[in-house]
C-alpha atoms as a PDB file:
ATOM      1  CA  MET A   1      62.563 -38.368 -62.882  1.00  0.00           C
ATOM      2  CA  ARG A   2      60.058 -37.611 -60.151  1.00  0.00           C
ATOM      3  CA  ILE A   3      57.575 -35.280 -61.719  1.00  0.00           C
ATOM      4  CA  LEU A   4      54.696 -33.251 -60.079  1.00  0.00           C
ATOM      5  CA  ILE A   5      51.878 -31.775 -62.434  1.00  0.00           C
ATOM      6  CA  THR A   6      49.737 -29.222 -61.139  1.00  0.00           C
ATOM      7  CA  GLY A   7      46.376 -28.684 -62.806  1.00  0.00           C
ATOM      8  CA  ALA A   8      46.784 -32.345 -63.924  1.00  0.00           C
ATOM      9  CA  ASN A   9      43.092 -32.708 -64.869  1.00  0.00           C
ATOM     10  CA  GLY A  10      43.419 -29.946 -67.333  1.00  0.00           C
ATOM     11  CA  GLN A  11      43.942 -30.104 -71.047  1.00  0.00           C
ATOM     12  CA  LEU A  12      47.613 -29.652 -70.930  1.00  0.00           C
ATOM     13  CA  GLY A  13      47.889 -31.705 -67.619  1.00  0.00           C
ATOM     14  CA  VAL A  14      46.112 -34.783 -69.332  1.00  0.00           C
ATOM     15  CA  ALA A  15      48.197 -34.458 -72.443  1.00  0.00           C
ATOM     16  CA  LEU A  16      51.305 -34.338 -70.306  1.00  0.00           C
ATOM     17  CA  GLN A  17      50.476 -37.708 -68.701  1.00  0.00           C
ATOM     18  CA  HIS A  18      50.297 -39.521 -72.157  1.00  0.00           C
ATOM     19  CA  VAL A  19      54.136 -38.431 -72.953  1.00  0.00           C
ATOM     20  CA  LEU A  20      55.636 -38.487 -69.685  1.00  0.00           C
ATOM     21  CA  THR A  21      55.151 -42.224 -69.159  1.00  0.00           C
ATOM     22  CA  ASP A  22      58.717 -43.055 -68.468  1.00  0.00           C
ATOM     23  CA  HIS A  23      58.658 -40.854 -65.173  1.00  0.00           C
ATOM     24  CA  GLU A  24      57.327 -41.367 -61.842  1.00  0.00           C
ATOM     25  CA  LEU A  25      54.344 -38.839 -61.722  1.00  0.00           C
ATOM     26  CA  THR A  26      52.521 -37.148 -58.995  1.00  0.00           C
ATOM     27  CA  LEU A  27      49.068 -35.660 -60.182  1.00  0.00           C
ATOM     28  CA  ILE A  28      47.372 -32.672 -58.380  1.00  0.00           C
ATOM     29  CA  ASP A  29      44.417 -30.499 -58.980  1.00  0.00           C
ATOM     30  CA  LEU A  30      41.300 -29.167 -57.324  1.00  0.00           C
ATOM     31  CA  PRO A  31      39.691 -29.911 -55.097  1.00  0.00           C
ATOM     32  CA  ALA A  32      42.044 -32.221 -53.542  1.00  0.00           C
ATOM     33  CA  VAL A  33      45.095 -29.777 -53.707  1.00  0.00           C
ATOM     34  CA  ASP A  34      44.536 -25.861 -53.909  1.00  0.00           C
ATOM     35  CA  ILE A  35      47.838 -24.123 -55.198  1.00  0.00           C
ATOM     36  CA  THR A  36      46.929 -21.010 -52.972  1.00  0.00           C
ATOM     37  CA  ASP A  37      47.092 -23.218 -49.905  1.00  0.00           C
ATOM     38  CA  ARG A  38      50.811 -23.335 -48.876  1.00  0.00           C
ATOM     39  CA  GLY A  39      50.291 -25.984 -46.302  1.00  0.00           C
ATOM     40  CA  ALA A  40      48.373 -28.333 -48.725  1.00  0.00           C
ATOM     41  CA  LEU A  41      51.407 -27.866 -51.152  1.00  0.00           C
ATOM     42  CA  ALA A  42      54.136 -28.348 -48.828  1.00  0.00           C
ATOM     43  CA  ALA A  43      52.291 -31.867 -47.370  1.00  0.00           C
ATOM     44  CA  VAL A  44      52.247 -32.866 -51.222  1.00  0.00           C
ATOM     45  CA  PHE A  45      55.917 -31.911 -51.887  1.00  0.00           C
ATOM     46  CA  ALA A  46      57.072 -33.602 -48.861  1.00  0.00           C
ATOM     47  CA  ALA A  47      55.454 -36.924 -49.881  1.00  0.00           C
ATOM     48  CA  ALA A  48      56.173 -36.772 -53.596  1.00  0.00           C
ATOM     49  CA  THR A  49      59.863 -35.347 -53.282  1.00  0.00           C
ATOM     50  CA  PRO A  50      59.566 -33.985 -57.031  1.00  0.00           C
ATOM     51  CA  GLU A  51      62.604 -33.117 -58.975  1.00  0.00           C
ATOM     52  CA  LEU A  52      60.823 -31.177 -61.479  1.00  0.00           C
ATOM     53  CA  VAL A  53      57.165 -29.559 -61.426  1.00  0.00           C
ATOM     54  CA  VAL A  54      55.320 -28.750 -64.333  1.00  0.00           C
ATOM     55  CA  HIS A  55      52.885 -25.990 -63.189  1.00  0.00           C
ATOM     56  CA  CYS A  56      49.662 -25.950 -65.368  1.00  0.00           C
ATOM     57  CA  ALA A  57      47.240 -24.847 -62.934  1.00  0.00           C
ATOM     58  CA  ALA A  58      45.655 -21.393 -63.333  1.00  0.00           C
ATOM     59  CA  TYR A  59      42.533 -19.386 -63.488  1.00  0.00           C
ATOM     60  CA  THR A  60      42.033 -19.323 -67.070  1.00  0.00           C
ATOM     61  CA  ASP A  61      38.652 -17.835 -67.661  1.00  0.00           C
ATOM     62  CA  VAL A  62      40.052 -14.733 -69.235  1.00  0.00           C
ATOM     63  CA  ASP A  63      36.554 -12.925 -68.985  1.00  0.00           C
ATOM     64  CA  GLY A  64      36.199 -14.232 -65.636  1.00  0.00           C
ATOM     65  CA  CYS A  65      39.683 -12.627 -64.573  1.00  0.00           C
ATOM     66  CA  ALA A  66      38.282  -9.334 -65.884  1.00  0.00           C
ATOM     67  CA  ARG A  67      35.112  -9.449 -63.867  1.00  0.00           C
ATOM     68  CA  ASP A  68      37.286 -10.568 -60.716  1.00  0.00           C
ATOM     69  CA  PRO A  69      40.695  -9.302 -61.049  1.00  0.00           C
ATOM     70  CA  ALA A  70      41.532 -10.004 -57.386  1.00  0.00           C
ATOM     71  CA  LEU A  71      40.643 -13.739 -57.777  1.00  0.00           C
ATOM     72  CA  ALA A  72      43.071 -13.759 -60.871  1.00  0.00           C
ATOM     73  CA  TYR A  73      46.054 -12.546 -59.083  1.00  0.00           C
ATOM     74  CA  HIS A  74      44.871 -15.050 -56.059  1.00  0.00           C
ATOM     75  CA  VAL A  75      45.300 -18.009 -58.316  1.00  0.00           C
ATOM     76  CA  ASN A  76      47.656 -17.058 -61.056  1.00  0.00           C
ATOM     77  CA  THR A  77      50.334 -14.778 -59.151  1.00  0.00           C
ATOM     78  CA  TYR A  78      49.928 -16.036 -55.626  1.00  0.00           C
ATOM     79  CA  GLY A  79      49.216 -19.706 -56.395  1.00  0.00           C
ATOM     80  CA  THR A  80      52.244 -19.804 -58.913  1.00  0.00           C
ATOM     81  CA  GLN A  81      54.491 -18.041 -56.253  1.00  0.00           C
ATOM     82  CA  ASN A  82      53.613 -20.631 -53.637  1.00  0.00           C
ATOM     83  CA  VAL A  83      54.516 -23.347 -56.150  1.00  0.00           C
ATOM     84  CA  ALA A  84      57.912 -21.615 -56.973  1.00  0.00           C
ATOM     85  CA  LEU A  85      58.569 -21.330 -53.301  1.00  0.00           C
ATOM     86  CA  ALA A  86      57.886 -24.992 -52.824  1.00  0.00           C
ATOM     87  CA  CYS A  87      60.128 -25.760 -55.761  1.00  0.00           C
ATOM     88  CA  GLN A  88      62.703 -23.595 -54.077  1.00  0.00           C
ATOM     89  CA  SER A  89      62.634 -25.307 -50.828  1.00  0.00           C
ATOM     90  CA  ALA A  90      62.570 -28.910 -52.486  1.00  0.00           C
ATOM     91  CA  GLY A  91      65.785 -27.968 -54.886  1.00  0.00           C
ATOM     92  CA  ALA A  92      62.974 -28.810 -57.576  1.00  0.00           C
ATOM     93  CA  ALA A  93      63.231 -27.274 -61.299  1.00  0.00           C
ATOM     94  CA  MET A  94      60.128 -25.650 -62.468  1.00  0.00           C
ATOM     95  CA  VAL A  95      58.260 -25.571 -65.879  1.00  0.00           C
ATOM     96  CA  HIS A  96      55.511 -22.713 -65.635  1.00  0.00           C
ATOM     97  CA  ILE A  97      52.938 -22.513 -68.180  1.00  0.00           C
ATOM     98  CA  SER A  98      52.295 -18.879 -69.545  1.00  0.00           C
ATOM     99  CA  THR A  99      50.481 -17.226 -72.160  1.00  0.00           C
ATOM    100  CA  ASN A 100      50.561 -14.812 -75.289  1.00  0.00           C
ATOM    101  CA  GLU A 101      48.186 -12.829 -73.357  1.00  0.00           C
ATOM    102  CA  VAL A 102      51.324 -11.148 -71.483  1.00  0.00           C
ATOM    103  CA  PHE A 103      52.008  -9.180 -74.466  1.00  0.00           C
ATOM    104  CA  ALA A 104      50.213  -6.119 -75.523  1.00  0.00           C
ATOM    105  CA  GLY A 105      49.206  -7.399 -78.767  1.00  0.00           C
ATOM    106  CA  ASP A 106      50.358  -4.319 -80.710  1.00  0.00           C
ATOM    107  CA  ALA A 107      52.874  -6.041 -82.939  1.00  0.00           C
ATOM    108  CA  PRO A 108      51.459  -7.418 -86.129  1.00  0.00           C
ATOM    109  CA  ASP A 109      54.760  -9.250 -86.912  1.00  0.00           C
ATOM    110  CA  GLY A 110      54.419 -11.053 -83.689  1.00  0.00           C
ATOM    111  CA  TYR A 111      56.627 -11.693 -80.427  1.00  0.00           C
ATOM    112  CA  GLU A 112      59.931 -13.102 -79.663  1.00  0.00           C
ATOM    113  CA  GLU A 113      60.817 -14.597 -76.196  1.00  0.00           C
ATOM    114  CA  TRP A 114      63.033 -11.491 -75.308  1.00  0.00           C
ATOM    115  CA  MET A 115      60.339  -8.809 -76.053  1.00  0.00           C
ATOM    116  CA  PRO A 116      58.939  -6.819 -73.101  1.00  0.00           C
ATOM    117  CA  LEU A 117      55.770  -7.534 -71.430  1.00  0.00           C
ATOM    118  CA  ALA A 118      52.787  -5.365 -71.263  1.00  0.00           C
ATOM    119  CA  PRO A 119      49.740  -6.969 -70.705  1.00  0.00           C
ATOM    120  CA  GLY A 120      46.360  -5.404 -71.426  1.00  0.00           C
ATOM    121  CA  ASN A 121      44.099  -7.143 -69.306  1.00  0.00           C
ATOM    122  CA  PRO A 122      43.717  -8.831 -65.910  1.00  0.00           C
ATOM    123  CA  TYR A 123      44.308 -12.199 -66.869  1.00  0.00           C
ATOM    124  CA  GLY A 124      47.393 -11.357 -68.600  1.00  0.00           C
ATOM    125  CA  ARG A 125      48.831  -9.037 -66.077  1.00  0.00           C
ATOM    126  CA  SER A 126      48.313 -11.880 -63.606  1.00  0.00           C
ATOM    127  CA  LYS A 127      50.174 -14.408 -65.665  1.00  0.00           C
ATOM    128  CA  ALA A 128      53.035 -11.552 -66.407  1.00  0.00           C
ATOM    129  CA  ALA A 129      53.230 -11.225 -62.539  1.00  0.00           C
ATOM    130  CA  ALA A 130      53.551 -15.022 -61.995  1.00  0.00           C
ATOM    131  CA  GLU A 131      56.295 -14.949 -64.658  1.00  0.00           C
ATOM    132  CA  VAL A 132      58.140 -12.451 -62.587  1.00  0.00           C
ATOM    133  CA  ALA A 133      57.893 -14.583 -59.511  1.00  0.00           C
ATOM    134  CA  VAL A 134      59.104 -17.674 -61.038  1.00  0.00           C
ATOM    135  CA  ARG A 135      62.130 -16.119 -62.501  1.00  0.00           C
ATOM    136  CA  SER A 136      62.970 -13.991 -59.370  1.00  0.00           C
ATOM    137  CA  LEU A 137      62.488 -17.259 -57.169  1.00  0.00           C
ATOM    138  CA  LEU A 138      64.170 -19.918 -59.192  1.00  0.00           C
ATOM    139  CA  HIS A 139      67.368 -19.963 -61.260  1.00  0.00           C
ATOM    140  CA  ARG A 140      66.001 -23.508 -62.533  1.00  0.00           C
ATOM    141  CA  ALA A 141      62.974 -22.434 -64.403  1.00  0.00           C
ATOM    142  CA  TYR A 142      61.434 -22.967 -67.828  1.00  0.00           C
ATOM    143  CA  VAL A 143      58.807 -20.383 -68.684  1.00  0.00           C
ATOM    144  CA  VAL A 144      56.633 -21.791 -71.517  1.00  0.00           C
ATOM    145  CA  ARG A 145      54.209 -19.433 -73.318  1.00  0.00           C
ATOM    146  CA  THR A 146      51.591 -20.709 -75.452  1.00  0.00           C
ATOM    147  CA  ALA A 147      48.410 -19.775 -77.201  1.00  0.00           C
ATOM    148  CA  TRP A 148      44.810 -20.673 -78.179  1.00  0.00           C
ATOM    149  CA  LEU A 149      45.284 -24.040 -76.618  1.00  0.00           C
ATOM    150  CA  TYR A 150      42.757 -27.038 -77.413  1.00  0.00           C
ATOM    151  CA  ALA A 151      42.129 -30.776 -76.705  1.00  0.00           C
ATOM    152  CA  PRO A 152      40.066 -33.536 -76.791  1.00  0.00           C
ATOM    153  CA  GLY A 153      37.094 -33.966 -74.353  1.00  0.00           C
ATOM    154  CA  GLY A 154      37.126 -30.005 -73.264  1.00  0.00           C
ATOM    155  CA  ARG A 155      35.305 -26.818 -74.250  1.00  0.00           C
ATOM    156  CA  ASN A 156      37.187 -25.280 -76.822  1.00  0.00           C
ATOM    157  CA  PHE A 157      37.110 -22.969 -79.899  1.00  0.00           C
ATOM    158  CA  ILE A 158      36.572 -25.839 -81.975  1.00  0.00           C
ATOM    159  CA  HIS A 159      33.721 -27.294 -80.507  1.00  0.00           C
ATOM    160  CA  ALA A 160      31.911 -23.877 -80.298  1.00  0.00           C
ATOM    161  CA  ILE A 161      32.463 -23.025 -84.051  1.00  0.00           C
ATOM    162  CA  LEU A 162      31.380 -26.614 -85.194  1.00  0.00           C
ATOM    163  CA  ARG A 163      28.172 -26.660 -82.653  1.00  0.00           C
ATOM    164  CA  ARG A 164      27.196 -23.285 -83.919  1.00  0.00           C
ATOM    165  CA  ALA A 165      27.756 -23.946 -87.519  1.00  0.00           C
ATOM    166  CA  ARG A 166      25.773 -26.896 -87.189  1.00  0.00           C
ATOM    167  CA  GLU A 167      22.880 -25.571 -85.291  1.00  0.00           C
ATOM    168  CA  THR A 168      22.376 -22.356 -87.051  1.00  0.00           C
ATOM    169  CA  GLY A 169      24.330 -22.505 -90.458  1.00  0.00           C
ATOM    170  CA  THR A 170      26.022 -19.347 -89.400  1.00  0.00           C
ATOM    171  CA  VAL A 171      28.985 -18.222 -87.457  1.00  0.00           C
ATOM    172  CA  ARG A 172      30.533 -14.708 -86.532  1.00  0.00           C
ATOM    173  CA  VAL A 173      33.885 -14.506 -85.872  1.00  0.00           C
ATOM    174  CA  VAL A 174      36.569 -11.806 -85.280  1.00  0.00           C
ATOM    175  CA  THR A 175      39.057 -10.865 -87.936  1.00  0.00           C
ATOM    176  CA  ASP A 176      41.049  -8.423 -85.791  1.00  0.00           C
ATOM    177  CA  GLU A 177      42.622 -11.275 -83.245  1.00  0.00           C
ATOM    178  CA  VAL A 178      45.584 -13.143 -84.416  1.00  0.00           C
ATOM    179  CA  GLY A 179      47.351 -15.850 -82.764  1.00  0.00           C
ATOM    180  CA  ASN A 180      48.629 -19.490 -82.885  1.00  0.00           C
ATOM    181  CA  PRO A 181      46.080 -22.345 -82.609  1.00  0.00           C
ATOM    182  CA  THR A 182      47.927 -25.008 -80.657  1.00  0.00           C
ATOM    183  CA  TYR A 183      47.144 -28.566 -79.909  1.00  0.00           C
ATOM    184  CA  ALA A 184      47.760 -29.500 -76.361  1.00  0.00           C
ATOM    185  CA  ALA A 185      49.534 -32.967 -77.508  1.00  0.00           C
ATOM    186  CA  ASP A 186      52.095 -31.342 -79.353  1.00  0.00           C
ATOM    187  CA  LEU A 187      52.660 -28.688 -76.622  1.00  0.00           C
ATOM    188  CA  ALA A 188      53.251 -31.762 -74.220  1.00  0.00           C
ATOM    189  CA  ALA A 189      55.569 -33.301 -76.511  1.00  0.00           C
ATOM    190  CA  ALA A 190      57.695 -30.195 -76.825  1.00  0.00           C
ATOM    191  CA  ILE A 191      57.687 -29.735 -72.973  1.00  0.00           C
ATOM    192  CA  ALA A 192      58.587 -33.528 -72.626  1.00  0.00           C
ATOM    193  CA  GLN A 193      61.636 -32.622 -75.012  1.00  0.00           C
ATOM    194  CA  LEU A 194      62.634 -29.463 -73.184  1.00  0.00           C
ATOM    195  CA  ILE A 195      62.957 -30.789 -69.735  1.00  0.00           C
ATOM    196  CA  THR A 196      65.510 -33.305 -70.975  1.00  0.00           C
ATOM    197  CA  THR A 197      67.951 -30.180 -72.033  1.00  0.00           C
ATOM    198  CA  GLY A 198      68.446 -28.378 -68.823  1.00  0.00           C
ATOM    199  CA  GLN A 199      68.562 -25.237 -70.800  1.00  0.00           C
ATOM    200  CA  TYR A 200      66.241 -23.154 -68.566  1.00  0.00           C
ATOM    201  CA  GLY A 201      64.798 -19.788 -69.772  1.00  0.00           C
ATOM    202  CA  VAL A 202      61.627 -18.435 -71.616  1.00  0.00           C
ATOM    203  CA  TYR A 203      60.369 -20.385 -74.521  1.00  0.00           C
ATOM    204  CA  HIS A 204      57.339 -19.789 -76.937  1.00  0.00           C
ATOM    205  CA  PHE A 205      55.646 -23.385 -77.523  1.00  0.00           C
ATOM    206  CA  VAL A 206      52.882 -22.977 -80.218  1.00  0.00           C
ATOM    207  CA  ASN A 207      51.922 -24.776 -83.531  1.00  0.00           C
ATOM    208  CA  SER A 208      53.955 -22.888 -86.280  1.00  0.00           C
ATOM    209  CA  GLY A 209      52.018 -20.076 -88.191  1.00  0.00           C
ATOM    210  CA  ALA A 210      49.431 -17.652 -87.052  1.00  0.00           C
ATOM    211  CA  CYS A 211      46.181 -16.667 -88.204  1.00  0.00           C
ATOM    212  CA  SER A 212      42.998 -14.778 -87.129  1.00  0.00           C
ATOM    213  CA  ARG A 213      40.122 -16.434 -85.017  1.00  0.00           C
ATOM    214  CA  TRP A 214      38.119 -16.018 -88.489  1.00  0.00           C
ATOM    215  CA  ALA A 215      40.634 -17.899 -90.707  1.00  0.00           C
ATOM    216  CA  PHE A 216      40.795 -20.679 -87.858  1.00  0.00           C
ATOM    217  CA  ALA A 217      37.003 -21.081 -88.023  1.00  0.00           C
ATOM    218  CA  ASN A 218      37.389 -21.071 -91.779  1.00  0.00           C
ATOM    219  CA  GLU A 219      40.071 -23.958 -91.490  1.00  0.00           C
ATOM    220  CA  ILE A 220      37.880 -25.861 -88.899  1.00  0.00           C
ATOM    221  CA  LEU A 221      34.669 -25.651 -91.252  1.00  0.00           C
ATOM    222  CA  ARG A 222      36.545 -27.011 -94.326  1.00  0.00           C
ATOM    223  CA  GLN A 223      38.494 -29.671 -92.553  1.00  0.00           C
ATOM    224  CA  ALA A 224      34.874 -30.857 -90.845  1.00  0.00           C
ATOM    225  CA  GLY A 225      33.050 -30.629 -94.234  1.00  0.00           C
ATOM    226  CA  VAL A 226      30.554 -28.370 -92.748  1.00  0.00           C
ATOM    227  CA  THR A 227      28.951 -25.624 -94.826  1.00  0.00           C
ATOM    228  CA  ALA A 228      28.029 -22.585 -92.974  1.00  0.00           C
ATOM    229  CA  THR A 229      28.583 -18.799 -93.382  1.00  0.00           C
ATOM    230  CA  ASN A 230      31.608 -17.380 -91.531  1.00  0.00           C
ATOM    231  CA  VAL A 231      30.618 -13.707 -91.097  1.00  0.00           C
ATOM    232  CA  PRO A 232      33.743 -11.499 -90.489  1.00  0.00           C
ATOM    233  CA  ILE A 233      33.395  -9.263 -87.332  1.00  0.00           C
ATOM    234  CA  LEU A 234      35.396  -6.785 -85.361  1.00  0.00           C
ATOM    235  CA  GLY A 235      36.393  -7.357 -81.773  1.00  0.00           C
ATOM    236  CA  SER A 236      34.701  -4.183 -80.976  1.00  0.00           C
ATOM    237  CA  ALA A 237      31.185  -5.855 -81.919  1.00  0.00           C
ATOM    238  CA  TYR A 238      31.652  -8.841 -79.787  1.00  0.00           C
ATOM    239  CA  ALA A 239      30.608  -8.077 -76.185  1.00  0.00           C
ATOM    240  CA  ARG A 240      32.743  -9.449 -73.447  1.00  0.00           C
ATOM    241  CA  ALA A 241      34.341  -8.573 -70.307  1.00  0.00           C
ATOM    242  CA  SER A 242      37.929  -8.763 -71.278  1.00  0.00           C
ATOM    243  CA  THR A 243      40.008  -7.389 -74.216  1.00  0.00           C
ATOM    244  CA  PRO A 244      42.239  -9.792 -75.832  1.00  0.00           C
ATOM    245  CA  PRO A 245      45.575  -8.849 -77.289  1.00  0.00           C
ATOM    246  CA  PRO A 246      44.778  -7.963 -81.172  1.00  0.00           C
ATOM    247  CA  PHE A 247      47.943  -9.242 -82.580  1.00  0.00           C
ATOM    248  CA  ALA A 248      49.843 -11.444 -80.163  1.00  0.00           C
ATOM    249  CA  ALA A 249      51.059 -14.311 -82.200  1.00  0.00           C
ATOM    250  CA  LEU A 250      54.257 -15.936 -80.765  1.00  0.00           C
ATOM    251  CA  HIS A 251      57.662 -17.081 -82.636  1.00  0.00           C
ATOM    252  CA  ASN A 252      59.378 -19.947 -81.468  1.00  0.00           C
ATOM    253  CA  ARG A 253      63.097 -18.891 -81.546  1.00  0.00           C
ATOM    254  CA  ALA A 254      64.517 -20.247 -78.421  1.00  0.00           C
ATOM    255  CA  GLY A 255      63.058 -23.901 -78.645  1.00  0.00           C
ATOM    256  CA  ALA A 256      64.003 -24.073 -82.568  1.00  0.00           C
ATOM    257  CA  ALA A 257      67.616 -23.301 -81.462  1.00  0.00           C
ATOM    258  CA  LEU A 258      67.511 -26.656 -79.333  1.00  0.00           C
ATOM    259  CA  GLY A 259      65.916 -28.529 -82.096  1.00  0.00           C
ATOM    260  CA  ILE A 260      62.315 -28.370 -80.612  1.00  0.00           C
ATOM    261  CA  THR A 261      59.577 -27.250 -83.291  1.00  0.00           C
ATOM    262  CA  LEU A 262      55.951 -27.709 -83.529  1.00  0.00           C
ATOM    263  CA  ARG A 263      54.208 -28.756 -86.669  1.00  0.00           C
ATOM    264  CA  PRO A 264      52.159 -26.296 -88.678  1.00  0.00           C
ATOM    265  CA  TRP A 265      48.823 -25.101 -86.809  1.00  0.00           C
ATOM    266  CA  GLN A 266      46.695 -26.756 -89.986  1.00  0.00           C
ATOM    267  CA  GLU A 267      48.466 -30.096 -89.911  1.00  0.00           C
ATOM    268  CA  ALA A 268      47.871 -30.381 -85.929  1.00  0.00           C
ATOM    269  CA  LEU A 269      44.344 -29.299 -86.443  1.00  0.00           C
ATOM    270  CA  ALA A 270      43.655 -32.127 -89.068  1.00  0.00           C
ATOM    271  CA  ASP A 271      45.319 -34.828 -86.723  1.00  0.00           C
ATOM    272  CA  TYR A 272      43.032 -33.572 -83.765  1.00  0.00           C
ATOM    273  CA  MET A 273      40.068 -33.543 -86.272  1.00  0.00           C
ATOM    274  CA  GLN A 274      40.612 -36.892 -87.445  1.00  0.00           C
ATOM    275  CA  ASN A 275      41.593 -38.820 -84.404  1.00  0.00           C
ATOM    276  CA  ALA A 276      40.538 -36.735 -81.451  1.00  0.00           C
ATOM    277  CA  LEU A 277      37.208 -34.745 -81.977  1.00  0.00           C
END
């Protein structure tokens, strides 16, 4: 299959390149191609003639989105609309990568795929609007929501916790933000399975199980063999521009019905720590 990947240099884009080796890939990212530039996208689509687009490109700096909501909408909503329109013109299917932050975060039991969107910050609102654009423009679309993504070679929560622990012996981590730590390699493998099904719709692909940021940090320290004090704090004590959804764990129901499941987050973390950190 001819597959075009936007945001190909990001965590998920790189992971996808490792699992889609049987396909003909076209890889685009900044600065060469800007998804907010319809002309640039049209040229790429004309040359690549993709049958499927995996749309990973996004402005994912959540605090940056809060400081500049217009930029968040420009990239995440308008840019995604451009990609969806290009898919529509080319007759290509689309995988749109979304986030748990499209939910309010007021569900202690977590969210299933069908539940209504109610984002509480500019990043989440821009991504929710992007979902609406994709589903309005395309019949052949997969919307894949994920959360707390990490991968080798990038800045992520794991690196931050270990660096701070080794430098100071103490970390301060919030207890009232709950989600699903997700290894990019596992997410990529699930997407590779999904695109063979032709079962378009909304999916939650996260490593199974949920935890607080504080519990995630504890497991990171334990698996790394690093002794440090992990001080539990509330999100209100941590000054930041954006407010993340406090309880936004995702449940994989639709994917599991197709036989697509991701391993427990603790196992995925162990794999990452042993082989990729």
